[in-house]
Amino acid sequence: YKSVIDDVFEVSGTKIAEAAKLTENIFRSVNIALVNELKIVFDAMGIDVWEVIRAASSKPFGYMPFFPGPGLGGHCIPVDPFYLTYKSKEFNLQTKFIELAAEINTFMPEYVLKKTNDALNVYKKKSINGSNILIIGLAYKKDIGDMRESPTLPIMRSLINQGAKIKYHDKFIPQIPDSRHYGFLEGLKSVPINKQNLSKADAVIIITDHSYINYDLVSRYASLIIDTRNIMSGRSVNNVVKS
């Protein structure tokens, strides 16, 4: 490993190494689930979870900020914790904490759908059914082209099932490839972020906050924005719903 990695941390065996990797990913899954749950609760109370996190981060010790979102993605955090859950059953043990975190994180795309539907009802006097929805971001995290386990996929599926007309934009994934669970999306192509596409959308859902996106353009021409990443914070816009 020293030929490709600068620092090698040696342990006593492969079990320790694998358990360390699992611990890293489970730690992140559990903490993300916590802030996702806090987001739901605080939102119901009219409290901005993002401001809460900023305030909590002012503590110089004992706190590490994690941030809420539309759901987990990638090939590690949404998947790896279940390896330990499966293995623990051989020892007649149940990983309740890990499973609860997964349950919360898996629910988040549904929460985005609920917030979208509520926003359409309030601001447009319509439902998801028949609405034109533009999704920004297909990759599971910003500035990459990896859509594995992306929360955008179940959100798109639910929108279609509820009768929405969907488009998406992601320059890193110009066309959706075939996949095991989302083959019905195969061939769908990314559309440009421009005045026409933004203006025609009943709602624009920001799922992946890619750095290259012109968010000022989005705020200028989108009539309703569902922001799952708090990327619109600090802009003087009245048409943003945090989700």
Protein backbone atom coordinates (compact mmCIF):
# COMPACT_ATOMS: atom_id res chain seq x y z
CA TYR A 1 0.00 0.00 0.00
CA LYS A 2 2.90 2.37 0.63
CA SER A 3 3.48 2.58 -3.12
CA VAL A 4 0.10 4.33 -3.59
CA ILE A 5 -0.78 5.71 -0.13
CA ASP A 6 1.31 8.19 1.86
CA ASP A 7 0.25 7.05 5.33
CA VAL A 8 -0.50 3.45 6.23
CA PHE A 9 -2.12 2.80 9.62
CA GLU A 10 -1.22 -0.73 10.60
CA VAL A 11 -3.58 -2.87 12.68
CA SER A 12 -3.39 -6.38 14.05
CA GLY A 13 -5.49 -8.04 11.38
CA THR A 14 -8.11 -7.81 8.65
CA LYS A 15 -11.04 -8.01 11.08
CA ILE A 16 -9.88 -4.83 12.80
CA ALA A 17 -9.39 -3.11 9.45
CA GLU A 18 -12.85 -4.08 8.19
CA ALA A 19 -14.48 -3.19 11.51
CA ALA A 20 -12.78 0.22 11.41
CA LYS A 21 -14.21 0.92 7.97
CA LEU A 22 -17.66 -0.17 9.11
CA THR A 23 -17.36 2.05 12.18
CA GLU A 24 -16.51 5.09 10.04
CA ASN A 25 -19.54 4.63 7.81
CA ILE A 26 -21.93 3.71 10.63
CA PHE A 27 -20.80 6.78 12.58
CA ARG A 28 -21.73 8.99 9.64
CA SER A 29 -25.01 7.19 8.97
CA VAL A 30 -26.15 7.50 12.58
CA ASN A 31 -25.20 11.16 12.91
CA ILE A 32 -26.78 12.11 9.60
CA ALA A 33 -29.94 10.33 10.70
CA LEU A 34 -29.92 12.36 13.90
CA VAL A 35 -29.78 15.72 12.11
CA ASN A 36 -32.35 14.52 9.57
CA GLU A 37 -34.74 13.73 12.40
CA LEU A 38 -33.97 17.05 14.06
CA LYS A 39 -34.71 18.77 10.75
CA ILE A 40 -38.17 17.22 10.61
CA VAL A 41 -38.94 18.05 14.24
CA PHE A 42 -37.52 21.58 14.16
CA ASP A 43 -39.27 22.32 10.88
CA ALA A 44 -42.61 21.44 12.46
CA MET A 45 -41.75 23.88 15.25
CA GLY A 46 -40.76 26.65 12.84
CA ILE A 47 -37.07 26.39 13.76
CA ASP A 48 -34.32 26.54 11.13
CA VAL A 49 -32.14 23.46 11.69
CA TRP A 50 -29.30 24.99 9.65
CA GLU A 51 -29.08 27.97 11.97
CA VAL A 52 -29.25 25.60 14.93
CA ILE A 53 -26.28 23.63 13.58
CA ARG A 54 -24.28 26.83 13.04
CA ALA A 55 -24.98 27.87 16.62
CA ALA A 56 -24.09 24.45 18.04
CA SER A 57 -20.87 24.50 16.01
CA SER A 58 -19.72 27.53 17.98
CA LYS A 59 -18.88 25.16 20.83
CA PRO A 60 -15.11 24.60 20.56
CA PHE A 61 -15.20 21.01 21.82
CA GLY A 62 -17.53 18.06 22.16
CA TYR A 63 -19.55 18.76 19.01
CA MET A 64 -19.03 17.77 15.39
CA PRO A 65 -21.47 19.21 12.83
CA PHE A 66 -23.37 16.92 10.49
CA PHE A 67 -25.85 18.24 7.96
CA PRO A 68 -29.30 17.08 6.89
CA GLY A 69 -30.25 16.30 3.33
CA PRO A 70 -32.68 14.50 1.02
CA GLY A 71 -31.30 11.05 1.89
CA LEU A 72 -28.07 9.10 1.78
CA GLY A 73 -26.31 8.04 -1.41
CA GLY A 74 -23.18 6.32 -2.65
CA HIS A 75 -21.92 2.79 -2.30
CA CYS A 76 -20.70 3.06 1.33
CA ILE A 77 -22.88 4.80 3.91
CA PRO A 78 -26.30 3.52 2.78
CA VAL A 79 -25.00 -0.05 2.33
CA ASP A 80 -22.10 -0.89 4.66
CA PRO A 81 -24.01 -0.69 7.98
CA PHE A 82 -26.19 -3.57 6.83
CA TYR A 83 -23.13 -5.82 6.56
CA LEU A 84 -22.77 -5.58 10.33
CA THR A 85 -26.51 -5.91 10.87
CA TYR A 86 -26.50 -9.14 8.86
CA LYS A 87 -23.43 -10.53 10.58
CA SER A 88 -24.69 -9.68 14.06
CA LYS A 89 -27.62 -12.08 13.58
CA GLU A 90 -25.16 -14.98 13.64
CA PHE A 91 -24.51 -13.97 17.25
CA ASN A 92 -28.22 -13.52 18.07
CA LEU A 93 -27.74 -9.76 18.34
CA GLN A 94 -29.84 -6.94 16.94
CA THR A 95 -28.32 -3.66 15.79
CA LYS A 96 -31.27 -1.47 16.78
CA PHE A 97 -29.46 1.86 16.62
CA ILE A 98 -27.98 1.17 13.19
CA GLU A 99 -31.31 -0.04 11.79
CA LEU A 100 -33.19 2.96 13.18
CA ALA A 101 -30.69 5.33 11.55
CA ALA A 102 -31.18 3.55 8.23
CA GLU A 103 -34.94 3.81 8.61
CA ILE A 104 -34.77 7.57 9.15
CA ASN A 105 -32.34 8.16 6.28
CA THR A 106 -34.39 5.99 3.92
CA PHE A 107 -37.48 8.03 4.79
CA MET A 108 -35.95 11.37 3.74
CA PRO A 109 -36.91 11.19 0.02
CA GLU A 110 -40.52 10.78 1.16
CA TYR A 111 -40.12 13.87 3.33
CA VAL A 112 -38.88 15.84 0.31
CA LEU A 113 -41.98 14.69 -1.60
CA LYS A 114 -44.24 15.80 1.23
CA LYS A 115 -42.59 19.23 1.43
CA THR A 116 -42.87 19.57 -2.35
CA ASN A 117 -46.54 18.68 -2.37
CA ASP A 118 -47.27 21.03 0.56
CA ALA A 119 -45.39 23.87 -1.17
CA LEU A 120 -47.28 23.33 -4.42
CA ASN A 121 -50.57 23.39 -2.51
CA VAL A 122 -49.70 26.64 -0.74
CA TYR A 123 -47.93 28.59 -3.48
CA LYS A 124 -49.46 27.16 -6.66
CA LYS A 125 -52.83 25.85 -5.45
CA LYS A 126 -52.09 22.53 -7.11
CA SER A 127 -50.71 19.08 -6.29
CA ILE A 128 -47.81 17.06 -7.63
CA ASN A 129 -50.18 15.43 -10.12
CA GLY A 130 -49.84 17.30 -13.40
CA SER A 131 -47.08 19.62 -12.15
CA ASN A 132 -43.89 20.30 -14.08
CA ILE A 133 -40.96 19.52 -11.79
CA LEU A 134 -37.33 20.35 -12.56
CA ILE A 135 -34.78 18.49 -10.43
CA ILE A 136 -31.29 19.89 -9.98
CA GLY A 137 -28.76 17.15 -9.28
CA LEU A 138 -28.78 13.44 -10.00
CA ALA A 139 -25.41 12.53 -8.46
CA TYR A 140 -25.55 11.47 -4.83
CA LYS A 141 -23.20 14.29 -3.81
CA LYS A 142 -21.87 17.50 -5.30
CA ASP A 143 -19.33 17.77 -8.10
CA ILE A 144 -19.14 14.10 -9.05
CA GLY A 145 -20.88 11.90 -11.63
CA ASP A 146 -21.81 8.96 -9.39
CA MET A 147 -25.55 8.26 -9.08
CA ARG A 148 -25.31 5.04 -7.07
CA GLU A 149 -28.01 4.97 -4.37
CA SER A 150 -28.72 8.65 -5.10
CA PRO A 151 -31.81 9.94 -3.26
CA THR A 152 -32.79 11.65 -6.50
CA LEU A 153 -33.80 8.29 -7.96
CA PRO A 154 -36.57 7.36 -5.49
CA ILE A 155 -37.72 11.00 -5.55
CA MET A 156 -38.05 10.86 -9.35
CA ARG A 157 -39.88 7.55 -9.15
CA SER A 158 -42.38 8.89 -6.61
CA LEU A 159 -42.93 12.08 -8.60
CA ILE A 160 -43.68 10.05 -11.74
CA ASN A 161 -45.98 7.70 -9.82
CA GLN A 162 -47.89 10.71 -8.51
CA GLY A 163 -48.38 12.11 -11.99
CA ALA A 164 -45.67 14.78 -12.22
CA LYS A 165 -43.89 15.68 -15.44
CA ILE A 166 -40.22 15.63 -14.54
CA LYS A 167 -36.98 16.95 -16.00
CA TYR A 168 -33.55 16.97 -14.44
CA HIS A 169 -30.26 18.82 -14.78
CA ASP A 170 -26.83 17.40 -13.97
CA LYS A 171 -23.88 18.04 -16.27
CA PHE A 172 -21.96 15.18 -14.66
CA ILE A 173 -24.69 12.71 -15.70
CA PRO A 174 -25.92 13.94 -19.10
CA GLN A 175 -28.06 10.83 -19.63
CA ILE A 176 -29.45 8.30 -17.17
CA PRO A 177 -28.01 4.82 -17.74
CA ASP A 178 -29.84 1.58 -17.12
CA SER A 179 -30.00 0.46 -13.50
CA ARG A 180 -31.44 -2.47 -11.60
CA HIS A 181 -34.31 -0.64 -9.89
CA TYR A 182 -34.73 2.43 -12.10
CA GLY A 183 -34.62 1.09 -15.63
CA PHE A 184 -37.72 3.11 -16.48
CA LEU A 185 -35.55 6.26 -16.27
CA GLU A 186 -32.99 4.96 -18.77
CA GLY A 187 -32.27 7.39 -21.57
CA LEU A 188 -33.68 10.47 -19.84
CA LYS A 189 -31.36 13.38 -20.69
CA SER A 190 -30.25 16.35 -18.64
CA VAL A 191 -31.76 19.67 -19.67
CA PRO A 192 -30.00 23.05 -19.45
CA ILE A 193 -30.46 25.40 -16.53
CA ASN A 194 -31.86 28.42 -18.35
CA LYS A 195 -34.69 30.94 -18.17
CA GLN A 196 -37.06 28.80 -20.23
CA ASN A 197 -36.71 25.58 -18.23
CA LEU A 198 -36.72 27.35 -14.88
CA SER A 199 -39.75 29.47 -15.73
CA LYS A 200 -41.79 26.54 -17.05
CA ALA A 201 -41.32 24.51 -13.86
CA ASP A 202 -44.01 24.64 -11.21
CA ALA A 203 -41.28 23.70 -8.74
CA VAL A 204 -37.51 23.32 -8.86
CA ILE A 205 -36.10 20.80 -6.39
CA ILE A 206 -32.43 21.21 -5.50
CA ILE A 207 -31.18 17.78 -4.45
CA THR A 208 -27.48 17.99 -5.30
CA ASP A 209 -25.79 21.34 -4.75
CA HIS A 210 -23.19 21.20 -7.52
CA SER A 211 -20.71 24.09 -7.34
CA TYR A 212 -21.04 25.05 -11.00
CA ILE A 213 -24.77 25.83 -10.83
CA ASN A 214 -25.73 29.50 -11.18
CA TYR A 215 -28.05 29.70 -8.19
CA ASP A 216 -28.71 33.39 -8.77
CA LEU A 217 -30.20 32.40 -12.13
CA VAL A 218 -32.27 29.73 -10.40
CA SER A 219 -33.62 32.20 -7.84
CA ARG A 220 -34.39 34.77 -10.55
CA TYR A 221 -36.50 32.57 -12.81
CA ALA A 222 -37.81 29.68 -10.67
CA SER A 223 -41.22 30.50 -9.21
CA LEU A 224 -40.89 27.91 -6.42
CA ILE A 225 -37.69 26.30 -5.09
CA ILE A 226 -37.51 23.28 -2.80
CA ASP A 227 -34.05 23.50 -1.25
CA THR A 228 -32.79 20.30 0.39
CA ARG A 229 -29.21 21.56 0.83
CA ASN A 230 -29.66 25.09 2.20
CA ILE A 231 -27.74 26.35 -0.83
CA MET A 232 -30.15 29.28 -1.30
CA SER A 233 -29.47 30.60 2.21
CA GLY A 234 -28.37 34.22 2.25
CA ARG A 235 -30.10 35.12 -1.01
CA SER A 236 -32.96 37.61 -0.93
CA VAL A 237 -35.66 35.32 -2.28
CA ASN A 238 -39.17 34.64 -1.05
CA ASN A 239 -39.91 31.57 -3.14
CA VAL A 240 -37.70 29.06 -1.29
CA VAL A 241 -38.98 26.21 0.86
CA LYS A 242 -36.33 24.37 2.87
CA SER A 243 -36.72 20.61 2.85
